[in-house]
PDB file of N, CA and C in Angstrom:
ATOM      1  N   UNK A   1       0.830  -1.051  -0.062  1.00  0.00           N
ATOM      2  CA  UNK A   1      -0.324  -0.094  -0.092  1.00  0.00           C
ATOM      3  C   UNK A   1       0.802   1.199   0.112  1.00  0.00           C
ATOM      4  N   UNK A   2       2.101   1.447   0.579  1.00  0.00           N
ATOM      5  CA  UNK A   2       3.105   2.532   0.851  1.00  0.00           C
ATOM      6  C   UNK A   2       3.151   2.593  -0.250  1.00  0.00           C
ATOM      7  N   UNK A   3       3.753   1.466  -1.368  1.00  0.00           N
ATOM      8  CA  UNK A   3       4.059   1.936  -3.211  1.00  0.00           C
ATOM      9  C   UNK A   3       3.303   2.493  -3.572  1.00  0.00           C
ATOM     10  N   UNK A   4       1.923   3.019  -3.206  1.00  0.00           N
ATOM     11  CA  UNK A   4       0.936   3.795  -4.149  1.00  0.00           C
ATOM     12  C   UNK A   4       1.143   5.076  -3.909  1.00  0.00           C
ATOM     13  N   UNK A   5       2.095   5.652  -3.007  1.00  0.00           N
ATOM     14  CA  UNK A   5       2.207   6.927  -2.276  1.00  0.00           C
ATOM     15  C   UNK A   5       3.587   7.286  -2.767  1.00  0.00           C
ATOM     16  N   UNK A   6       4.555   6.499  -3.205  1.00  0.00           N
ATOM     17  CA  UNK A   6       6.287   6.818  -2.802  1.00  0.00           C
ATOM     18  C   UNK A   6       6.028   7.800  -4.502  1.00  0.00           C
ATOM     19  N   UNK A   7       5.746   7.516  -5.639  1.00  0.00           N
ATOM     20  CA  UNK A   7       5.997   8.478  -6.407  1.00  0.00           C
ATOM     21  C   UNK A   7       5.870   9.763  -5.870  1.00  0.00           C
ATOM     22  N   UNK A   8       4.104   9.837  -4.825  1.00  0.00           N
ATOM     23  CA  UNK A   8       4.383  11.792  -4.484  1.00  0.00           C
ATOM     24  C   UNK A   8       5.596  11.784  -3.883  1.00  0.00           C
ATOM     25  N   UNK A   9       6.345  10.840  -2.953  1.00  0.00           N
ATOM     26  CA  UNK A   9       6.722  11.261  -1.899  1.00  0.00           C
ATOM     27  C   UNK A   9       7.770  11.316  -2.592  1.00  0.00           C
ATOM     28  N   UNK A  10       7.941  11.173  -3.787  1.00  0.00           N
ATOM     29  CA  UNK A  10       9.745  11.215  -4.572  1.00  0.00           C
ATOM     30  C   UNK A  10       9.490  12.911  -4.785  1.00  0.00           C
ATOM     31  N   UNK A  11       8.401  13.068  -5.929  1.00  0.00           N
ATOM     32  CA  UNK A  11       8.052  14.324  -6.041  1.00  0.00           C
ATOM     33  C   UNK A  11       8.046  15.007  -5.278  1.00  0.00           C
ATOM     34  N   UNK A  12       7.307  14.955  -4.274  1.00  0.00           N
ATOM     35  CA  UNK A  12       7.539  16.137  -3.142  1.00  0.00           C
ATOM     36  C   UNK A  12       8.802  16.125  -2.521  1.00  0.00           C
ATOM     37  N   UNK A  13       9.708  15.659  -2.261  1.00  0.00           N
ATOM     38  CA  UNK A  13      11.708  15.437  -2.293  1.00  0.00           C
ATOM     39  C   UNK A  13      11.859  16.539  -3.557  1.00  0.00           C
ATOM     40  N   UNK A  14      11.001  16.058  -4.294  1.00  0.00           N
ATOM     41  CA  UNK A  14      12.028  16.947  -5.439  1.00  0.00           C
ATOM     42  C   UNK A  14      11.729  18.228  -5.832  1.00  0.00           C
ATOM     43  N   UNK A  15      10.383  18.500  -5.429  1.00  0.00           N
ATOM     44  CA  UNK A  15      10.113  20.151  -5.060  1.00  0.00           C
ATOM     45  C   UNK A  15      10.662  20.477  -4.727  1.00  0.00           C
ATOM     46  N   UNK A  16      10.777  19.572  -2.989  1.00  0.00           N
ATOM     47  CA  UNK A  16      11.126  21.164  -2.180  1.00  0.00           C
ATOM     48  C   UNK A  16      12.693  21.374  -1.860  1.00  0.00           C
ATOM     49  N   UNK A  17      13.639  20.168  -2.549  1.00  0.00           N
ATOM     50  CA  UNK A  17      14.328  20.845  -2.775  1.00  0.00           C
ATOM     51  C   UNK A  17      15.145  21.246  -4.214  1.00  0.00           C
ATOM     52  N   UNK A  18      14.621  21.509  -4.904  1.00  0.00           N
ATOM     53  CA  UNK A  18      14.714  21.727  -5.963  1.00  0.00           C
ATOM     54  C   UNK A  18      14.151  24.077  -5.370  1.00  0.00           C
ATOM     55  N   UNK A  19      13.144  24.076  -4.547  1.00  0.00           N
ATOM     56  CA  UNK A  19      12.922  25.031  -3.908  1.00  0.00           C
ATOM     57  C   UNK A  19      13.764  25.701  -2.923  1.00  0.00           C
ATOM     58  N   UNK A  20      14.836  24.881  -2.831  1.00  0.00           N
ATOM     59  CA  UNK A  20      16.187  25.503  -2.220  1.00  0.00           C
ATOM     60  C   UNK A  20      17.134  25.922  -2.661  1.00  0.00           C
ATOM     61  N   UNK A  21      17.227  24.425  -3.862  1.00  0.00           N
ATOM     62  CA  UNK A  21      18.593  24.812  -4.374  1.00  0.00           C
ATOM     63  C   UNK A  21      18.336  26.025  -5.435  1.00  0.00           C
ATOM     64  N   UNK A  22      17.556  25.344  -6.401  1.00  0.00           N
ATOM     65  CA  UNK A  22      17.474  26.674  -7.399  1.00  0.00           C
ATOM     66  C   UNK A  22      15.551  27.650  -7.809  1.00  0.00           C
ATOM     67  N   UNK A  23      15.841  28.685  -6.356  1.00  0.00           N
ATOM     68  CA  UNK A  23      14.324  28.792  -6.162  1.00  0.00           C
ATOM     69  C   UNK A  23      13.635  29.557  -7.153  1.00  0.00           C
ATOM     70  N   UNK A  24      14.918  30.102  -8.379  1.00  0.00           N
ATOM     71  CA  UNK A  24      14.358  31.323  -9.667  1.00  0.00           C
ATOM     72  C   UNK A  24      13.508  29.593  -9.834  1.00  0.00           C
ATOM     73  N   UNK A  25      14.118  29.366 -10.414  1.00  0.00           N
ATOM     74  CA  UNK A  25      13.850  28.250 -11.832  1.00  0.00           C
ATOM     75  C   UNK A  25      12.030  27.393 -10.942  1.00  0.00           C
ATOM     76  N   UNK A  26      12.094  27.109  -9.453  1.00  0.00           N
ATOM     77  CA  UNK A  26      10.792  26.755  -8.599  1.00  0.00           C
ATOM     78  C   UNK A  26       9.947  27.888  -8.844  1.00  0.00           C
ATOM     79  N   UNK A  27      10.232  28.548  -8.673  1.00  0.00           N
ATOM     80  CA  UNK A  27       8.737  29.830  -8.539  1.00  0.00           C
ATOM     81  C   UNK A  27       8.672  30.232  -9.607  1.00  0.00           C
ATOM     82  N   UNK A  28       9.387  29.998 -10.774  1.00  0.00           N
ATOM     83  CA  UNK A  28       8.606  30.192 -11.988  1.00  0.00           C
ATOM     84  C   UNK A  28       7.778  29.855 -12.409  1.00  0.00           C
ATOM     85  N   UNK A  29       7.898  27.941 -12.115  1.00  0.00           N
ATOM     86  CA  UNK A  29       7.074  27.170 -12.821  1.00  0.00           C
ATOM     87  C   UNK A  29       5.948  27.429 -12.256  1.00  0.00           C
ATOM     88  N   UNK A  30       5.682  27.365 -10.151  1.00  0.00           N
ATOM     89  CA  UNK A  30       5.075  27.463  -9.773  1.00  0.00           C
ATOM     90  C   UNK A  30       3.586  28.830 -10.157  1.00  0.00           C
ATOM     91  N   UNK A  31       4.652  29.501 -10.285  1.00  0.00           N
ATOM     92  CA  UNK A  31       3.399  31.120 -11.132  1.00  0.00           C
ATOM     93  C   UNK A  31       3.067  30.774 -12.424  1.00  0.00           C
ATOM     94  N   UNK A  32       3.736  30.005 -13.496  1.00  0.00           N
ATOM     95  CA  UNK A  32       3.330  29.504 -14.630  1.00  0.00           C
ATOM     96  C   UNK A  32       2.764  28.454 -14.777  1.00  0.00           C
ATOM     97  N   UNK A  33       2.310  27.994 -13.723  1.00  0.00           N
ATOM     98  CA  UNK A  33       0.923  26.687 -13.246  1.00  0.00           C
ATOM     99  C   UNK A  33      -0.102  27.665 -12.713  1.00  0.00           C
ATOM    100  N   UNK A  34       0.140  28.376 -11.592  1.00  0.00           N
ATOM    101  CA  UNK A  34      -0.617  29.290 -11.733  1.00  0.00           C
ATOM    102  C   UNK A  34      -1.605  30.123 -12.768  1.00  0.00           C
ATOM    103  N   UNK A  35      -1.117  30.095 -13.470  1.00  0.00           N
ATOM    104  CA  UNK A  35      -1.904  31.639 -14.403  1.00  0.00           C
ATOM    105  C   UNK A  35      -2.759  30.813 -15.605  1.00  0.00           C
ATOM    106  N   UNK A  36      -2.793  30.118 -15.654  1.00  0.00           N
ATOM    107  CA  UNK A  36      -3.944  29.234 -16.823  1.00  0.00           C
ATOM    108  C   UNK A  36      -5.352  28.114 -15.402  1.00  0.00           C
ATOM    109  N   UNK A  37      -5.029  28.099 -14.353  1.00  0.00           N
ATOM    110  CA  UNK A  37      -5.390  28.204 -13.815  1.00  0.00           C
ATOM    111  C   UNK A  37      -6.497  29.157 -13.149  1.00  0.00           C
ATOM    112  N   UNK A  38      -5.514  29.887 -12.486  1.00  0.00           N
ATOM    113  CA  UNK A  38      -6.723  31.187 -12.455  1.00  0.00           C
ATOM    114  C   UNK A  38      -7.352  31.842 -13.318  1.00  0.00           C
ATOM    115  N   UNK A  39      -6.943  31.396 -14.660  1.00  0.00           N
ATOM    116  CA  UNK A  39      -8.367  31.670 -15.831  1.00  0.00           C
ATOM    117  C   UNK A  39      -9.656  31.170 -15.430  1.00  0.00           C
ATOM    118  N   UNK A  40      -9.392  29.754 -15.266  1.00  0.00           N
ATOM    119  CA  UNK A  40     -10.398  29.210 -14.691  1.00  0.00           C
ATOM    120  C   UNK A  40     -11.325  29.291 -13.109  1.00  0.00           C
ATOM    121  N   UNK A  41     -10.219  29.542 -12.044  1.00  0.00           N
ATOM    122  CA  UNK A  41     -11.118  29.957 -11.360  1.00  0.00           C
ATOM    123  C   UNK A  41     -11.818  31.578 -10.810  1.00  0.00           C
ATOM    124  N   UNK A  42     -10.703  32.249 -10.821  1.00  0.00           N
ATOM    125  CA  UNK A  42     -11.063  33.635 -10.307  1.00  0.00           C
ATOM    126  C   UNK A  42     -12.657  33.440 -11.065  1.00  0.00           C
ATOM    127  N   UNK A  43     -12.958  34.281 -12.592  1.00  0.00           N
ATOM    128  CA  UNK A  43     -14.184  34.854 -12.842  1.00  0.00           C
ATOM    129  C   UNK A  43     -15.285  33.823 -12.210  1.00  0.00           C
ATOM    130  N   UNK A  44     -15.652  33.113 -11.973  1.00  0.00           N
ATOM    131  CA  UNK A  44     -16.251  32.683 -11.223  1.00  0.00           C
ATOM    132  C   UNK A  44     -16.267  32.767  -9.630  1.00  0.00           C
ATOM    133  N   UNK A  45     -15.451  32.949  -9.424  1.00  0.00           N
ATOM    134  CA  UNK A  45     -14.920  33.835  -7.877  1.00  0.00           C
ATOM    135  C   UNK A  45     -15.876  35.069  -7.821  1.00  0.00           C
ATOM    136  N   UNK A  46     -14.786  35.592  -8.873  1.00  0.00           N
ATOM    137  CA  UNK A  46     -15.553  37.318  -9.011  1.00  0.00           C
ATOM    138  C   UNK A  46     -16.776  37.153  -8.941  1.00  0.00           C
ATOM    139  N   UNK A  47     -17.195  36.017  -9.875  1.00  0.00           N
ATOM    140  CA  UNK A  47     -19.471  36.639 -10.005  1.00  0.00           C
ATOM    141  C   UNK A  47     -20.042  36.373  -8.497  1.00  0.00           C
ATOM    142  N   UNK A  48     -19.164  35.294  -7.639  1.00  0.00           N
ATOM    143  CA  UNK A  48     -19.690  34.745  -6.566  1.00  0.00           C
ATOM    144  C   UNK A  48     -19.315  36.053  -5.541  1.00  0.00           C
ATOM    145  N   UNK A  49     -18.626  36.642  -5.471  1.00  0.00           N
ATOM    146  CA  UNK A  49     -18.262  37.757  -4.726  1.00  0.00           C
ATOM    147  C   UNK A  49     -19.453  39.722  -4.880  1.00  0.00           C
ATOM    148  N   UNK A  50     -20.251  38.920  -6.320  1.00  0.00           N
ATOM    149  CA  UNK A  50     -21.428  39.889  -6.373  1.00  0.00           C
ATOM    150  C   UNK A  50     -20.200  41.337  -7.636  1.00  0.00           C
ATOM    151  N   UNK A  51     -18.906  40.434  -8.307  1.00  0.00           N
ATOM    152  CA  UNK A  51     -18.440  41.722  -9.049  1.00  0.00           C
ATOM    153  C   UNK A  51     -19.804  41.789 -10.156  1.00  0.00           C
ATOM    154  N   UNK A  52     -19.083  42.810 -10.877  1.00  0.00           N
ATOM    155  CA  UNK A  52     -20.034  43.628 -12.135  1.00  0.00           C
ATOM    156  C   UNK A  52     -19.429  44.107 -13.186  1.00  0.00           C
ATOM    157  N   UNK A  53     -19.103  43.569 -14.196  1.00  0.00           N
ATOM    158  CA  UNK A  53     -18.068  44.360 -15.461  1.00  0.00           C
ATOM    159  C   UNK A  53     -18.254  45.430 -15.720  1.00  0.00           C
ATOM    160  N   UNK A  54     -17.828  45.795 -16.216  1.00  0.00           N
ATOM    161  CA  UNK A  54     -18.349  47.873 -15.733  1.00  0.00           C
ATOM    162  C   UNK A  54     -18.420  47.623 -17.495  1.00  0.00           C
ATOM    163  N   UNK A  55     -19.370  48.592 -17.833  1.00  0.00           N
ATOM    164  CA  UNK A  55     -20.043  49.035 -19.486  1.00  0.00           C
ATOM    165  C   UNK A  55     -18.607  48.676 -20.158  1.00  0.00           C
ATOM    166  N   UNK A  56     -18.996  48.128 -22.198  1.00  0.00           N
ATOM    167  CA  UNK A  56     -17.749  47.870 -22.905  1.00  0.00           C
ATOM    168  C   UNK A  56     -17.570  49.617 -23.036  1.00  0.00           C
ATOM    169  N   UNK A  57     -15.957  49.956 -23.560  1.00  0.00           N
ATOM    170  CA  UNK A  57     -16.070  51.309 -23.826  1.00  0.00           C
ATOM    171  C   UNK A  57     -16.831  50.808 -25.192  1.00  0.00           C
ATOM    172  N   UNK A  58     -17.358  51.943 -25.860  1.00  0.00           N
ATOM    173  CA  UNK A  58     -17.284  52.953 -27.340  1.00  0.00           C
ATOM    174  C   UNK A  58     -16.290  52.093 -28.202  1.00  0.00           C
ATOM    175  N   UNK A  59     -16.646  51.270 -28.906  1.00  0.00           N
ATOM    176  CA  UNK A  59     -15.426  51.303 -29.867  1.00  0.00           C
ATOM    177  C   UNK A  59     -15.398  52.416 -31.757  1.00  0.00           C
ATOM    178  N   UNK A  60     -16.741  53.352 -31.436  1.00  0.00           N
ATOM    179  CA  UNK A  60     -16.402  54.494 -31.875  1.00  0.00           C
ATOM    180  C   UNK A  60     -17.115  55.397 -31.691  1.00  0.00           C
ATOM    181  N   UNK A  61     -16.901  56.778 -32.248  1.00  0.00           N
ATOM    182  CA  UNK A  61     -16.822  57.937 -31.541  1.00  0.00           C
ATOM    183  C   UNK A  61     -18.155  58.076 -32.015  1.00  0.00           C
ATOM    184  N   UNK A  62     -19.354  58.495 -31.757  1.00  0.00           N
ATOM    185  CA  UNK A  62     -20.992  58.433 -31.836  1.00  0.00           C
ATOM    186  C   UNK A  62     -20.554  59.557 -33.476  1.00  0.00           C
ATOM    187  N   UNK A  63     -21.744  59.507 -34.456  1.00  0.00           N
ATOM    188  CA  UNK A  63     -22.170  59.399 -35.598  1.00  0.00           C
ATOM    189  C   UNK A  63     -20.754  59.812 -36.382  1.00  0.00           C
ATOM    190  N   UNK A  64     -19.738  58.557 -35.766  1.00  0.00           N
ATOM    191  CA  UNK A  64     -18.406  58.150 -36.894  1.00  0.00           C
ATOM    192  C   UNK A  64     -19.323  58.075 -38.552  1.00  0.00           C
ATOM    193  N   UNK A  65     -18.942  58.191 -39.165  1.00  0.00           N
ATOM    194  CA  UNK A  65     -19.579  57.221 -40.442  1.00  0.00           C
ATOM    195  C   UNK A  65     -18.889  55.715 -40.771  1.00  0.00           C
ATOM    196  N   UNK A  66     -19.085  55.419 -40.960  1.00  0.00           N
ATOM    197  CA  UNK A  66     -18.664  53.877 -40.727  1.00  0.00           C
ATOM    198  C   UNK A  66     -18.911  52.938 -42.225  1.00  0.00           C
ATOM    199  N   UNK A  67     -18.087  52.513 -42.538  1.00  0.00           N
ATOM    200  CA  UNK A  67     -17.026  51.764 -42.427  1.00  0.00           C
ATOM    201  C   UNK A  67     -15.976  52.752 -42.333  1.00  0.00           C
ATOM    202  N   UNK A  68     -14.558  53.195 -42.037  1.00  0.00           N
ATOM    203  CA  UNK A  68     -13.837  53.606 -42.123  1.00  0.00           C
ATOM    204  C   UNK A  68     -12.714  52.921 -43.628  1.00  0.00           C
ATOM    205  N   UNK A  69     -13.005  54.770 -44.341  1.00  0.00           N
ATOM    206  CA  UNK A  69     -11.694  53.987 -45.471  1.00  0.00           C
ATOM    207  C   UNK A  69     -10.754  54.943 -45.678  1.00  0.00           C
ATOM    208  N   UNK A  70     -10.018  54.678 -45.924  1.00  0.00           N
ATOM    209  CA  UNK A  70      -8.919  55.894 -45.948  1.00  0.00           C
ATOM    210  C   UNK A  70      -9.802  57.525 -46.486  1.00  0.00           C
ATOM    211  N   UNK A  71     -10.810  56.825 -47.644  1.00  0.00           N
ATOM    212  CA  UNK A  71     -11.003  58.129 -47.721  1.00  0.00           C
ATOM    213  C   UNK A  71     -12.184  59.438 -46.716  1.00  0.00           C
ATOM    214  N   UNK A  72     -12.430  58.322 -46.078  1.00  0.00           N
ATOM    215  CA  UNK A  72     -13.039  59.266 -44.867  1.00  0.00           C
ATOM    216  C   UNK A  72     -12.061  59.498 -43.855  1.00  0.00           C
ATOM    217  N   UNK A  73     -10.748  58.656 -43.845  1.00  0.00           N
ATOM    218  CA  UNK A  73     -10.191  59.153 -42.207  1.00  0.00           C
ATOM    219  C   UNK A  73      -9.649  61.110 -42.798  1.00  0.00           C
ATOM    220  N   UNK A  74      -9.255  60.658 -44.559  1.00  0.00           N
ATOM    221  CA  UNK A  74      -8.831  62.065 -45.317  1.00  0.00           C
ATOM    222  C   UNK A  74      -9.443  62.902 -44.747  1.00  0.00           C
ATOM    223  N   UNK A  75     -10.923  63.367 -44.915  1.00  0.00           N
ATOM    224  CA  UNK A  75     -11.818  63.848 -45.040  1.00  0.00           C
ATOM    225  C   UNK A  75     -12.552  64.227 -43.777  1.00  0.00           C
ATOM    226  N   UNK A  76     -12.100  63.683 -42.976  1.00  0.00           N
ATOM    227  CA  UNK A  76     -12.449  64.249 -41.292  1.00  0.00           C
ATOM    228  C   UNK A  76     -11.223  65.152 -41.135  1.00  0.00           C
ATOM    229  N   UNK A  77     -10.009  64.524 -41.497  1.00  0.00           N
ATOM    230  CA  UNK A  77      -8.735  65.099 -40.811  1.00  0.00           C
ATOM    231  C   UNK A  77      -8.904  66.758 -41.323  1.00  0.00           C
ATOM    232  N   UNK A  78      -9.398  66.675 -42.403  1.00  0.00           N
ATOM    233  CA  UNK A  78      -9.227  67.593 -43.400  1.00  0.00           C
ATOM    234  C   UNK A  78     -10.853  68.733 -42.730  1.00  0.00           C
ATOM    235  N   UNK A  79     -11.111  68.030 -42.635  1.00  0.00           N
ATOM    236  CA  UNK A  79     -12.676  68.943 -41.556  1.00  0.00           C
ATOM    237  C   UNK A  79     -12.159  69.902 -40.331  1.00  0.00           C
ATOM    238  N   UNK A  80     -11.617  68.247 -39.548  1.00  0.00           N
ATOM    239  CA  UNK A  80     -11.807  69.266 -38.422  1.00  0.00           C
ATOM    240  C   UNK A  80     -10.219  70.270 -37.895  1.00  0.00           C
ATOM    241  N   UNK A  81      -9.188  70.310 -39.252  1.00  0.00           N
ATOM    242  CA  UNK A  81      -8.705  71.659 -38.201  1.00  0.00           C
ATOM    243  C   UNK A  81      -9.965  72.927 -39.582  1.00  0.00           C
ATOM    244  N   UNK A  82      -9.894  74.599 -37.927  1.00  0.00           N
ATOM    245  CA  UNK A  82     -10.058  74.948 -38.601  1.00  0.00           C
ATOM    246  C   UNK A  82      -9.129  76.096 -39.914  1.00  0.00           C
ATOM    247  N   UNK A  83     -10.454  76.325 -41.271  1.00  0.00           N
ATOM    248  CA  UNK A  83      -9.882  76.938 -41.727  1.00  0.00           C
ATOM    249  C   UNK A  83      -9.592  79.036 -41.677  1.00  0.00           C
ATOM    250  N   UNK A  84      -8.428  79.061 -40.635  1.00  0.00           N
ATOM    251  CA  UNK A  84      -8.916  80.067 -40.394  1.00  0.00           C
ATOM    252  C   UNK A  84      -7.002  80.570 -39.597  1.00  0.00           C
ATOM    253  N   UNK A  85      -6.799  81.932 -40.295  1.00  0.00           N
ATOM    254  CA  UNK A  85      -5.434  82.112 -39.453  1.00  0.00           C
ATOM    255  C   UNK A  85      -4.961  81.605 -37.815  1.00  0.00           C
ATOM    256  N   UNK A  86      -3.626  81.194 -37.664  1.00  0.00           N
ATOM    257  CA  UNK A  86      -3.979  81.098 -36.056  1.00  0.00           C
ATOM    258  C   UNK A  86      -3.333  82.266 -35.206  1.00  0.00           C
ATOM    259  N   UNK A  87      -3.987  82.351 -34.540  1.00  0.00           N
ATOM    260  CA  UNK A  87      -3.915  83.713 -33.297  1.00  0.00           C
ATOM    261  C   UNK A  87      -2.995  83.298 -32.727  1.00  0.00           C
ATOM    262  N   UNK A  88      -1.551  83.811 -32.628  1.00  0.00           N
ATOM    263  CA  UNK A  88      -0.760  84.120 -31.680  1.00  0.00           C
ATOM    264  C   UNK A  88      -1.128  83.517 -30.017  1.00  0.00           C
ATOM    265  N   UNK A  89      -0.334  82.694 -29.335  1.00  0.00           N
ATOM    266  CA  UNK A  89      -0.585  82.607 -27.917  1.00  0.00           C
ATOM    267  C   UNK A  89       0.169  83.692 -26.950  1.00  0.00           C
ATOM    268  N   UNK A  90      -0.710  84.576 -25.736  1.00  0.00           N
ATOM    269  CA  UNK A  90      -0.044  85.320 -24.876  1.00  0.00           C
ATOM    270  C   UNK A  90       0.422  84.905 -23.121  1.00  0.00           C
ATOM    271  N   UNK A  91       1.065  84.439 -23.072  1.00  0.00           N
ATOM    272  CA  UNK A  91       0.945  84.769 -21.540  1.00  0.00           C
ATOM    273  C   UNK A  91       2.234  83.561 -20.993  1.00  0.00           C
ATOM    274  N   UNK A  92       2.423  82.220 -22.453  1.00  0.00           N
ATOM    275  CA  UNK A  92       3.455  81.956 -21.916  1.00  0.00           C
ATOM    276  C   UNK A  92       5.298  82.129 -22.761  1.00  0.00           C
ATOM    277  N   UNK A  93       5.500  83.635 -21.978  1.00  0.00           N
ATOM    278  CA  UNK A  93       7.227  83.366 -23.337  1.00  0.00           C
ATOM    279  C   UNK A  93       8.216  83.239 -21.895  1.00  0.00           C
ATOM    280  N   UNK A  94       8.800  83.618 -22.576  1.00  0.00           N
ATOM    281  CA  UNK A  94       9.630  83.719 -21.086  1.00  0.00           C
ATOM    282  C   UNK A  94      10.635  84.430 -20.603  1.00  0.00           C
ATOM    283  N   UNK A  95      10.957  84.647 -19.673  1.00  0.00           N
ATOM    284  CA  UNK A  95      11.306  85.912 -19.011  1.00  0.00           C
ATOM    285  C   UNK A  95      12.961  85.710 -18.911  1.00  0.00           C
TER     286      UNK A  95
END
């Protein structure tokens, strides 16, 4: 019966020794294993605590003509620049 648990004991001893002799390698593997597990565990856990995801950020500006082609982008760039001479800014001169 003890022979059934022998591989697990050897694995535990190996991990224990590796954690002391090569901690960087050991903990990088631990973090690498925890990452995919967290993707499966954390979302249901957050929902059980009452987390509500925020509304999605709009992917386009209201009133934007879609689809965006190169011509509409150039046209919007030309229209958004005012057609007047620039006024000089005052109050930011070096003293």
